[in-house]
């Protein structure tokens, strides 16, 4: 868990979202397993494009026009895949979940597209629910945390590391307040 003091772009003095009478309890990013599907798609397309480039060198003698077309397609595909992968990784890595003694924040920063912040006031939360289905989620210690306000309203945080610790802390603050 990172603290505001260790992150250079977030210091306690310059963080406008945390009030003067609030204390930082937890701060976290999504679990690293959220990046696995992105990496799998990248690991599939990158060797495929390299294979297409290698295929064009063998095909150049028999059909130079088709070889040029395949090479151009492979280079365009590899450029798009590289840019997509690194844009997605940088965008996914810039999501924060912050818990203070009064509020919970969900900050999403996507490169060029989205910059949003959801705020949950802890006094309005009626119930906190943790779900970790499957062996992998138990072994790697991540899951989903649902904060329920009324019967149908709520907010779910996916790929949250140690969701049971977050739930225990929120429930203890709800019982105290």
N, C-alpha and C. Protein backbone atom coordinates (compact mmCIF):
# COMPACT_ATOMS: atom_id res chain seq x y z
N UNK A 1 0.84 -1.18 0.00
CA UNK A 1 0.00 0.00 0.00
C UNK A 1 0.89 1.25 0.00
N UNK A 2 0.60 2.13 -0.88
CA UNK A 2 1.35 3.37 -0.97
C UNK A 2 0.74 4.40 -0.03
N UNK A 3 1.56 5.27 0.47
CA UNK A 3 1.02 6.38 1.25
C UNK A 3 1.18 7.65 0.42
N UNK A 4 0.45 8.66 0.80
CA UNK A 4 0.53 9.91 0.05
C UNK A 4 1.91 10.53 0.12
N UNK A 5 2.63 10.26 1.20
CA UNK A 5 3.95 10.85 1.35
C UNK A 5 4.96 10.24 0.38
N UNK A 6 4.78 8.98 -0.02
CA UNK A 6 5.76 8.33 -0.88
C UNK A 6 5.51 8.58 -2.36
N UNK A 7 4.35 9.06 -2.71
CA UNK A 7 4.07 9.32 -4.12
C UNK A 7 4.40 10.77 -4.43
N UNK A 8 5.28 11.02 -5.41
CA UNK A 8 5.73 12.39 -5.65
C UNK A 8 4.64 13.32 -6.14
N UNK A 9 3.65 12.82 -6.85
CA UNK A 9 2.60 13.69 -7.37
C UNK A 9 1.45 13.83 -6.40
N UNK A 10 1.56 13.21 -5.22
CA UNK A 10 0.52 13.31 -4.20
C UNK A 10 1.18 13.58 -2.86
N UNK A 11 1.22 14.77 -2.45
CA UNK A 11 1.69 15.05 -1.10
C UNK A 11 0.51 15.54 -0.29
N UNK A 12 0.60 15.37 1.01
CA UNK A 12 -0.53 15.76 1.86
C UNK A 12 -0.83 17.25 1.75
N UNK A 13 0.19 18.03 1.49
CA UNK A 13 -0.02 19.48 1.40
C UNK A 13 -0.70 19.88 0.10
N UNK A 14 -0.48 19.11 -0.96
CA UNK A 14 -1.00 19.53 -2.26
C UNK A 14 -2.18 18.69 -2.75
N UNK A 15 -2.72 17.81 -1.94
CA UNK A 15 -3.85 16.99 -2.37
C UNK A 15 -5.14 17.72 -2.08
N UNK A 16 -5.83 18.22 -3.11
CA UNK A 16 -7.03 19.01 -2.88
C UNK A 16 -8.24 18.18 -2.48
N UNK A 17 -8.22 16.87 -2.69
CA UNK A 17 -9.42 16.08 -2.42
C UNK A 17 -9.55 15.70 -0.95
N UNK A 18 -8.46 15.71 -0.21
CA UNK A 18 -8.52 15.33 1.20
C UNK A 18 -8.60 16.60 2.03
N UNK A 19 -9.66 16.68 2.85
CA UNK A 19 -9.87 17.86 3.67
C UNK A 19 -8.92 17.91 4.85
N UNK A 20 -8.93 19.04 5.55
CA UNK A 20 -8.02 19.24 6.68
C UNK A 20 -8.36 18.35 7.86
N UNK A 21 -9.63 18.02 8.02
CA UNK A 21 -10.04 17.19 9.15
C UNK A 21 -10.12 15.71 8.79
N UNK A 22 -9.57 15.33 7.64
CA UNK A 22 -9.60 13.93 7.21
C UNK A 22 -8.23 13.28 7.38
N UNK A 23 -8.26 11.97 7.63
CA UNK A 23 -7.05 11.18 7.74
C UNK A 23 -7.02 10.14 6.63
N UNK A 24 -5.86 9.91 6.07
CA UNK A 24 -5.70 8.87 5.06
C UNK A 24 -5.62 7.51 5.76
N UNK A 25 -6.49 6.58 5.36
CA UNK A 25 -6.49 5.23 5.93
C UNK A 25 -5.76 4.28 5.00
N UNK A 26 -6.22 4.17 3.76
CA UNK A 26 -5.62 3.28 2.75
C UNK A 26 -5.55 4.01 1.42
N UNK A 27 -4.60 3.57 0.63
CA UNK A 27 -4.56 3.97 -0.78
C UNK A 27 -4.01 2.78 -1.55
N UNK A 28 -4.60 2.51 -2.70
CA UNK A 28 -4.16 1.36 -3.48
C UNK A 28 -4.47 1.58 -4.95
N UNK A 29 -3.81 0.79 -5.75
CA UNK A 29 -4.11 0.70 -7.18
C UNK A 29 -4.76 -0.65 -7.40
N UNK A 30 -5.23 -0.88 -8.61
CA UNK A 30 -5.81 -2.18 -8.92
C UNK A 30 -4.74 -3.26 -8.83
N UNK A 31 -5.20 -4.49 -8.63
CA UNK A 31 -4.29 -5.63 -8.57
C UNK A 31 -3.64 -5.84 -9.93
N UNK A 32 -2.43 -6.36 -9.94
CA UNK A 32 -1.68 -6.53 -11.19
C UNK A 32 -2.35 -7.51 -12.15
N UNK A 33 -3.24 -8.35 -11.67
CA UNK A 33 -3.89 -9.33 -12.55
C UNK A 33 -4.83 -8.67 -13.56
N UNK A 34 -5.16 -7.41 -13.34
CA UNK A 34 -6.00 -6.70 -14.31
C UNK A 34 -5.27 -6.53 -15.64
N UNK A 35 -3.94 -6.56 -15.61
CA UNK A 35 -3.15 -6.36 -16.82
C UNK A 35 -2.93 -7.65 -17.61
N UNK A 36 -3.29 -8.80 -17.06
CA UNK A 36 -3.02 -10.08 -17.72
C UNK A 36 -3.72 -10.20 -19.08
N UNK A 37 -5.01 -9.86 -19.23
CA UNK A 37 -5.62 -9.97 -20.57
C UNK A 37 -4.94 -9.07 -21.61
N UNK A 38 -4.54 -7.86 -21.20
CA UNK A 38 -3.83 -6.98 -22.13
C UNK A 38 -2.52 -7.62 -22.59
N UNK A 39 -1.79 -8.18 -21.64
CA UNK A 39 -0.52 -8.81 -21.99
C UNK A 39 -0.72 -10.04 -22.88
N UNK A 40 -1.79 -10.79 -22.64
CA UNK A 40 -2.06 -11.98 -23.47
C UNK A 40 -2.36 -11.58 -24.92
N UNK A 41 -3.14 -10.53 -25.11
CA UNK A 41 -3.42 -10.06 -26.48
C UNK A 41 -2.14 -9.57 -27.14
N UNK A 42 -1.33 -8.85 -26.37
CA UNK A 42 -0.05 -8.36 -26.90
C UNK A 42 0.87 -9.52 -27.25
N UNK A 43 0.94 -10.52 -26.36
CA UNK A 43 1.80 -11.68 -26.58
C UNK A 43 1.32 -12.52 -27.77
N UNK A 44 0.07 -12.40 -28.14
CA UNK A 44 -0.45 -13.11 -29.31
C UNK A 44 -0.13 -12.35 -30.61
N UNK A 45 -0.36 -11.05 -30.61
CA UNK A 45 -0.21 -10.28 -31.84
C UNK A 45 1.23 -9.94 -32.20
N UNK A 46 2.08 -9.70 -31.22
CA UNK A 46 3.46 -9.30 -31.52
C UNK A 46 4.23 -10.41 -32.24
N UNK A 47 4.23 -11.66 -31.76
CA UNK A 47 4.92 -12.72 -32.53
C UNK A 47 4.26 -12.98 -33.88
N UNK A 48 2.94 -12.81 -33.95
CA UNK A 48 2.25 -12.99 -35.23
C UNK A 48 2.76 -11.97 -36.26
N UNK A 49 2.92 -10.74 -35.84
CA UNK A 49 3.43 -9.71 -36.75
C UNK A 49 4.89 -9.98 -37.14
N UNK A 50 5.69 -10.42 -36.17
CA UNK A 50 7.08 -10.76 -36.50
C UNK A 50 7.14 -11.94 -37.47
N UNK A 51 6.24 -12.89 -37.29
CA UNK A 51 6.16 -14.02 -38.23
C UNK A 51 5.76 -13.57 -39.62
N UNK A 52 4.85 -12.60 -39.69
CA UNK A 52 4.45 -12.07 -41.01
C UNK A 52 5.63 -11.38 -41.69
N UNK A 53 6.45 -10.68 -40.92
CA UNK A 53 7.63 -10.02 -41.49
C UNK A 53 8.62 -11.07 -41.99
N UNK A 54 8.83 -12.12 -41.21
CA UNK A 54 9.71 -13.21 -41.65
C UNK A 54 9.16 -13.93 -42.87
N UNK A 55 7.86 -14.07 -42.94
CA UNK A 55 7.22 -14.73 -44.08
C UNK A 55 7.41 -13.93 -45.36
N UNK A 56 7.42 -12.61 -45.25
CA UNK A 56 7.58 -11.78 -46.45
C UNK A 56 8.97 -11.92 -47.05
N UNK A 57 9.98 -12.19 -46.23
CA UNK A 57 11.33 -12.35 -46.78
C UNK A 57 11.42 -13.62 -47.63
N UNK A 58 10.72 -14.67 -47.25
CA UNK A 58 10.71 -15.90 -48.04
C UNK A 58 9.81 -15.78 -49.27
N UNK A 59 8.78 -14.96 -49.15
CA UNK A 59 7.82 -14.83 -50.23
C UNK A 59 8.28 -13.81 -51.28
N UNK A 60 9.32 -13.06 -50.99
CA UNK A 60 9.76 -11.97 -51.85
C UNK A 60 10.19 -12.46 -53.23
N UNK A 61 10.81 -13.63 -53.31
CA UNK A 61 11.29 -14.13 -54.61
C UNK A 61 10.14 -14.58 -55.51
N UNK A 62 9.13 -15.20 -54.94
CA UNK A 62 8.05 -15.74 -55.77
C UNK A 62 7.00 -14.69 -56.12
N UNK A 63 6.67 -13.81 -55.19
CA UNK A 63 5.63 -12.81 -55.45
C UNK A 63 5.99 -11.50 -54.75
N UNK A 64 6.78 -10.64 -55.39
CA UNK A 64 7.21 -9.40 -54.74
C UNK A 64 6.07 -8.44 -54.42
N UNK A 65 5.01 -8.39 -55.25
CA UNK A 65 3.90 -7.47 -54.99
C UNK A 65 3.14 -7.89 -53.73
N UNK A 66 2.83 -9.17 -53.65
CA UNK A 66 2.12 -9.68 -52.47
C UNK A 66 3.00 -9.57 -51.22
N UNK A 67 4.30 -9.78 -51.39
CA UNK A 67 5.23 -9.66 -50.27
C UNK A 67 5.25 -8.23 -49.73
N UNK A 68 5.25 -7.25 -50.62
CA UNK A 68 5.23 -5.85 -50.18
C UNK A 68 3.94 -5.52 -49.45
N UNK A 69 2.82 -6.04 -49.95
CA UNK A 69 1.53 -5.80 -49.31
C UNK A 69 1.48 -6.41 -47.91
N UNK A 70 1.97 -7.65 -47.76
CA UNK A 70 1.98 -8.32 -46.46
C UNK A 70 2.93 -7.61 -45.50
N UNK A 71 4.09 -7.19 -45.99
CA UNK A 71 5.05 -6.46 -45.15
C UNK A 71 4.46 -5.15 -44.66
N UNK A 72 3.80 -4.41 -45.54
CA UNK A 72 3.16 -3.15 -45.14
C UNK A 72 2.08 -3.41 -44.08
N UNK A 73 1.26 -4.43 -44.28
CA UNK A 73 0.23 -4.78 -43.30
C UNK A 73 0.83 -5.19 -41.97
N UNK A 74 1.93 -5.94 -42.00
CA UNK A 74 2.59 -6.37 -40.76
C UNK A 74 3.17 -5.18 -40.01
N UNK A 75 3.78 -4.26 -40.72
CA UNK A 75 4.36 -3.08 -40.06
C UNK A 75 3.28 -2.18 -39.48
N UNK A 76 2.18 -2.01 -40.19
CA UNK A 76 1.07 -1.21 -39.66
C UNK A 76 0.49 -1.89 -38.42
N UNK A 77 0.29 -3.21 -38.50
CA UNK A 77 -0.27 -3.95 -37.37
C UNK A 77 0.64 -3.90 -36.15
N UNK A 78 1.93 -4.07 -36.35
CA UNK A 78 2.85 -4.05 -35.21
C UNK A 78 2.92 -2.66 -34.59
N UNK A 79 2.82 -1.61 -35.40
CA UNK A 79 2.81 -0.25 -34.86
C UNK A 79 1.54 0.00 -34.05
N UNK A 80 0.40 -0.41 -34.56
CA UNK A 80 -0.86 -0.23 -33.84
C UNK A 80 -0.87 -1.04 -32.55
N UNK A 81 -0.39 -2.28 -32.59
CA UNK A 81 -0.38 -3.13 -31.40
C UNK A 81 0.54 -2.55 -30.34
N UNK A 82 1.72 -2.07 -30.73
CA UNK A 82 2.65 -1.48 -29.76
C UNK A 82 2.03 -0.25 -29.09
N UNK A 83 1.47 0.64 -29.89
CA UNK A 83 0.88 1.86 -29.32
C UNK A 83 -0.33 1.54 -28.45
N UNK A 84 -1.17 0.62 -28.90
CA UNK A 84 -2.34 0.24 -28.11
C UNK A 84 -1.92 -0.36 -26.77
N UNK A 85 -0.95 -1.27 -26.78
CA UNK A 85 -0.53 -1.95 -25.56
C UNK A 85 0.02 -0.96 -24.54
N UNK A 86 0.94 -0.11 -24.94
CA UNK A 86 1.53 0.81 -23.98
C UNK A 86 0.55 1.89 -23.53
N UNK A 87 -0.33 2.32 -24.41
CA UNK A 87 -1.37 3.26 -23.99
C UNK A 87 -2.30 2.60 -22.98
N UNK A 88 -2.69 1.37 -23.21
CA UNK A 88 -3.58 0.66 -22.29
C UNK A 88 -2.89 0.40 -20.95
N UNK A 89 -1.63 0.02 -20.97
CA UNK A 89 -0.91 -0.24 -19.72
C UNK A 89 -0.74 1.04 -18.91
N UNK A 90 -0.39 2.13 -19.56
CA UNK A 90 -0.23 3.38 -18.83
C UNK A 90 -1.57 3.89 -18.31
N UNK A 91 -2.63 3.69 -19.07
CA UNK A 91 -3.95 4.13 -18.63
C UNK A 91 -4.45 3.30 -17.46
N UNK A 92 -4.28 1.98 -17.53
CA UNK A 92 -4.76 1.11 -16.46
C UNK A 92 -3.97 1.29 -15.18
N UNK A 93 -2.72 1.70 -15.29
CA UNK A 93 -1.89 1.83 -14.11
C UNK A 93 -2.16 3.13 -13.35
N UNK A 94 -2.97 4.00 -13.89
CA UNK A 94 -3.22 5.30 -13.26
C UNK A 94 -4.59 5.35 -12.59
N UNK A 95 -5.01 4.26 -11.98
CA UNK A 95 -6.28 4.22 -11.27
C UNK A 95 -5.99 4.07 -9.78
N UNK A 96 -6.55 4.95 -8.98
CA UNK A 96 -6.31 4.92 -7.54
C UNK A 96 -7.62 4.75 -6.80
N UNK A 97 -7.53 4.10 -5.66
CA UNK A 97 -8.65 3.99 -4.73
C UNK A 97 -8.12 4.49 -3.39
N UNK A 98 -8.75 5.52 -2.85
CA UNK A 98 -8.29 6.16 -1.63
C UNK A 98 -9.39 6.09 -0.59
N UNK A 99 -9.03 5.72 0.63
CA UNK A 99 -9.97 5.66 1.74
C UNK A 99 -9.49 6.59 2.83
N UNK A 100 -10.35 7.53 3.21
CA UNK A 100 -10.06 8.39 4.35
C UNK A 100 -11.04 8.04 5.47
N UNK A 101 -10.96 8.74 6.57
CA UNK A 101 -11.87 8.43 7.67
C UNK A 101 -13.29 8.92 7.41
N UNK A 102 -13.53 9.70 6.34
CA UNK A 102 -14.87 10.19 6.05
C UNK A 102 -15.38 9.81 4.66
N UNK A 103 -14.48 9.62 3.71
CA UNK A 103 -14.90 9.37 2.33
C UNK A 103 -14.01 8.31 1.68
N UNK A 104 -14.52 7.82 0.54
CA UNK A 104 -13.77 6.89 -0.29
C UNK A 104 -13.76 7.46 -1.70
N UNK A 105 -12.59 7.49 -2.34
CA UNK A 105 -12.43 8.06 -3.67
C UNK A 105 -12.01 6.98 -4.64
N UNK A 106 -12.53 7.08 -5.85
CA UNK A 106 -12.14 6.20 -6.94
C UNK A 106 -11.71 7.10 -8.09
N UNK A 107 -10.41 7.21 -8.29
CA UNK A 107 -9.85 8.11 -9.30
C UNK A 107 -9.45 7.32 -10.53
N UNK A 108 -9.90 7.76 -11.69
CA UNK A 108 -9.57 7.09 -12.96
C UNK A 108 -8.91 8.12 -13.87
N UNK A 109 -7.71 7.81 -14.31
CA UNK A 109 -6.99 8.66 -15.25
C UNK A 109 -6.65 7.82 -16.47
N UNK A 110 -7.21 8.17 -17.59
CA UNK A 110 -6.88 7.51 -18.85
C UNK A 110 -6.18 8.55 -19.72
N UNK A 111 -5.15 8.13 -20.40
CA UNK A 111 -4.41 9.07 -21.24
C UNK A 111 -5.31 9.61 -22.33
N UNK A 112 -5.46 10.90 -22.39
CA UNK A 112 -6.19 11.66 -23.41
C UNK A 112 -7.70 11.50 -23.38
N UNK A 113 -8.27 10.55 -22.70
CA UNK A 113 -9.69 10.30 -22.86
C UNK A 113 -10.52 10.61 -21.62
N UNK A 114 -10.15 10.08 -20.47
CA UNK A 114 -11.00 10.16 -19.29
C UNK A 114 -10.17 10.64 -18.11
N UNK A 115 -10.76 11.47 -17.30
CA UNK A 115 -10.17 11.89 -16.04
C UNK A 115 -11.33 12.10 -15.09
N UNK A 116 -11.62 11.10 -14.26
CA UNK A 116 -12.82 11.19 -13.43
C UNK A 116 -12.52 10.81 -11.99
N UNK A 117 -13.43 11.23 -11.10
CA UNK A 117 -13.31 10.92 -9.69
C UNK A 117 -14.70 10.65 -9.14
N UNK A 118 -14.87 9.47 -8.55
CA UNK A 118 -16.10 9.15 -7.83
C UNK A 118 -15.82 9.27 -6.34
N UNK A 119 -16.77 9.84 -5.63
CA UNK A 119 -16.61 10.03 -4.20
C UNK A 119 -17.77 9.35 -3.48
N UNK A 120 -17.44 8.53 -2.49
CA UNK A 120 -18.45 7.87 -1.67
C UNK A 120 -18.31 8.37 -0.25
N UNK A 121 -19.38 8.92 0.29
CA UNK A 121 -19.38 9.36 1.68
C UNK A 121 -19.67 8.14 2.55
N UNK A 122 -18.81 7.89 3.53
CA UNK A 122 -18.93 6.67 4.33
C UNK A 122 -20.21 6.62 5.14
N UNK A 123 -20.76 7.76 5.51
CA UNK A 123 -22.00 7.79 6.30
C UNK A 123 -23.19 7.24 5.52
N UNK A 124 -23.15 7.30 4.20
CA UNK A 124 -24.26 6.83 3.38
C UNK A 124 -24.19 5.33 3.07
N UNK A 125 -23.06 4.69 3.37
CA UNK A 125 -22.90 3.27 3.08
C UNK A 125 -23.66 2.46 4.13
N UNK A 126 -24.52 1.57 3.66
CA UNK A 126 -25.31 0.71 4.56
C UNK A 126 -24.63 -0.62 4.81
N UNK A 127 -23.96 -1.16 3.76
CA UNK A 127 -23.36 -2.48 3.89
C UNK A 127 -22.17 -2.60 2.94
N UNK A 128 -21.18 -3.37 3.37
CA UNK A 128 -20.00 -3.63 2.56
C UNK A 128 -19.93 -5.14 2.32
N UNK A 129 -19.71 -5.52 1.06
CA UNK A 129 -19.68 -6.94 0.72
C UNK A 129 -18.41 -7.24 -0.08
N UNK A 130 -17.74 -8.33 0.28
CA UNK A 130 -16.53 -8.78 -0.41
C UNK A 130 -16.85 -10.05 -1.16
N UNK A 131 -16.40 -10.14 -2.41
CA UNK A 131 -16.56 -11.38 -3.16
C UNK A 131 -15.24 -11.73 -3.83
N UNK A 132 -14.81 -12.96 -3.58
CA UNK A 132 -13.60 -13.50 -4.21
C UNK A 132 -13.93 -14.91 -4.67
N UNK A 133 -14.36 -15.04 -5.90
CA UNK A 133 -14.75 -16.33 -6.43
C UNK A 133 -13.57 -16.94 -7.18
N UNK A 134 -13.28 -18.18 -6.89
CA UNK A 134 -12.23 -18.89 -7.61
C UNK A 134 -10.95 -19.02 -6.81
N UNK A 135 -10.18 -20.01 -7.18
CA UNK A 135 -8.94 -20.31 -6.48
C UNK A 135 -7.89 -19.24 -6.73
N UNK A 136 -7.82 -18.73 -7.95
CA UNK A 136 -6.80 -17.75 -8.30
C UNK A 136 -6.96 -16.48 -7.47
N UNK A 137 -8.18 -16.04 -7.28
CA UNK A 137 -8.41 -14.82 -6.49
C UNK A 137 -8.03 -15.03 -5.03
N UNK A 138 -8.23 -16.23 -4.51
CA UNK A 138 -7.83 -16.50 -3.13
C UNK A 138 -6.31 -16.61 -3.00
N UNK A 139 -5.67 -17.26 -3.97
CA UNK A 139 -4.22 -17.40 -3.91
C UNK A 139 -3.50 -16.07 -4.08
N UNK A 140 -4.00 -15.24 -5.00
CA UNK A 140 -3.35 -13.95 -5.27
C UNK A 140 -3.92 -12.81 -4.42
N UNK A 141 -4.93 -13.11 -3.61
CA UNK A 141 -5.47 -12.18 -2.62
C UNK A 141 -6.01 -10.89 -3.26
N UNK A 142 -6.96 -11.05 -4.17
CA UNK A 142 -7.66 -9.91 -4.72
C UNK A 142 -9.11 -10.29 -4.95
N UNK A 143 -9.96 -9.29 -5.12
CA UNK A 143 -11.37 -9.56 -5.33
C UNK A 143 -12.14 -8.29 -5.58
N UNK A 144 -13.44 -8.35 -5.27
CA UNK A 144 -14.32 -7.21 -5.49
C UNK A 144 -14.87 -6.73 -4.16
N UNK A 145 -14.99 -5.43 -4.04
CA UNK A 145 -15.57 -4.81 -2.86
C UNK A 145 -16.79 -4.03 -3.30
N UNK A 146 -17.95 -4.36 -2.74
CA UNK A 146 -19.20 -3.67 -3.08
C UNK A 146 -19.65 -2.85 -1.89
N UNK A 147 -19.84 -1.57 -2.11
CA UNK A 147 -20.38 -0.67 -1.10
C UNK A 147 -21.83 -0.40 -1.48
N UNK A 148 -22.76 -0.85 -0.65
CA UNK A 148 -24.18 -0.73 -0.96
C UNK A 148 -24.79 0.41 -0.15
N UNK A 149 -25.56 1.26 -0.83
CA UNK A 149 -26.21 2.39 -0.18
C UNK A 149 -27.64 2.05 0.20
N UNK A 150 -28.42 1.64 -0.76
CA UNK A 150 -29.80 1.24 -0.53
C UNK A 150 -29.97 -0.15 -1.10
N UNK A 151 -31.19 -0.55 -1.39
CA UNK A 151 -31.43 -1.89 -1.91
C UNK A 151 -30.77 -2.09 -3.27
N UNK A 152 -30.89 -1.13 -4.17
CA UNK A 152 -30.37 -1.30 -5.52
C UNK A 152 -29.12 -0.47 -5.83
N UNK A 153 -28.85 0.55 -5.07
CA UNK A 153 -27.74 1.45 -5.40
C UNK A 153 -26.46 0.98 -4.72
N UNK A 154 -25.36 1.19 -5.42
CA UNK A 154 -24.07 0.83 -4.85
C UNK A 154 -22.94 1.02 -5.84
N UNK A 155 -21.74 0.82 -5.37
CA UNK A 155 -20.54 0.94 -6.20
C UNK A 155 -19.67 -0.28 -5.94
N UNK A 156 -19.19 -0.90 -7.01
CA UNK A 156 -18.33 -2.08 -6.90
C UNK A 156 -16.94 -1.74 -7.41
N UNK A 157 -15.94 -2.10 -6.62
CA UNK A 157 -14.54 -1.90 -6.99
C UNK A 157 -13.98 -3.26 -7.39
N UNK A 158 -13.55 -3.38 -8.64
CA UNK A 158 -13.03 -4.64 -9.15
C UNK A 158 -11.51 -4.67 -9.04
N UNK A 159 -10.95 -5.87 -8.96
CA UNK A 159 -9.50 -6.09 -8.90
C UNK A 159 -8.86 -5.33 -7.75
N UNK A 160 -9.49 -5.34 -6.60
CA UNK A 160 -8.98 -4.64 -5.43
C UNK A 160 -8.10 -5.59 -4.63
N UNK A 161 -6.84 -5.22 -4.35
CA UNK A 161 -6.00 -6.07 -3.51
C UNK A 161 -6.51 -6.06 -2.07
N UNK A 162 -6.46 -7.19 -1.43
CA UNK A 162 -6.92 -7.40 -0.05
C UNK A 162 -8.27 -6.76 0.23
N UNK A 163 -9.33 -7.17 -0.44
CA UNK A 163 -10.63 -6.52 -0.23
C UNK A 163 -11.20 -6.74 1.17
N UNK A 164 -10.83 -7.86 1.82
CA UNK A 164 -11.35 -8.12 3.16
C UNK A 164 -10.79 -7.11 4.16
N UNK A 165 -9.56 -6.64 3.96
CA UNK A 165 -8.98 -5.62 4.84
C UNK A 165 -9.71 -4.30 4.65
N UNK A 166 -9.99 -3.95 3.40
CA UNK A 166 -10.74 -2.72 3.12
C UNK A 166 -12.12 -2.80 3.76
N UNK A 167 -12.81 -3.94 3.59
CA UNK A 167 -14.16 -4.09 4.14
C UNK A 167 -14.14 -4.01 5.66
N UNK A 168 -13.19 -4.67 6.29
CA UNK A 168 -13.08 -4.63 7.75
C UNK A 168 -12.86 -3.20 8.25
N UNK A 169 -12.00 -2.45 7.55
CA UNK A 169 -11.72 -1.07 7.95
C UNK A 169 -12.95 -0.18 7.76
N UNK A 170 -13.65 -0.34 6.64
CA UNK A 170 -14.86 0.47 6.40
C UNK A 170 -15.93 0.13 7.42
N UNK A 171 -16.13 -1.16 7.71
CA UNK A 171 -17.14 -1.56 8.70
C UNK A 171 -16.79 -1.04 10.08
N UNK A 172 -15.52 -1.05 10.45
CA UNK A 172 -15.14 -0.52 11.76
C UNK A 172 -15.38 0.98 11.84
N UNK A 173 -15.15 1.70 10.73
CA UNK A 173 -15.42 3.14 10.74
C UNK A 173 -16.92 3.41 10.75
N UNK A 174 -17.72 2.54 10.11
CA UNK A 174 -19.17 2.71 10.14
C UNK A 174 -19.73 2.45 11.53
N UNK A 175 -19.17 1.47 12.23
CA UNK A 175 -19.64 1.16 13.59
C UNK A 175 -19.24 2.23 14.58
N UNK A 176 -18.08 2.85 14.40
CA UNK A 176 -17.63 3.91 15.30
C UNK A 176 -18.44 5.17 15.09
N UNK A 177 -18.67 5.51 13.79
CA UNK A 177 -19.38 6.75 13.45
C UNK A 177 -20.80 6.57 13.62
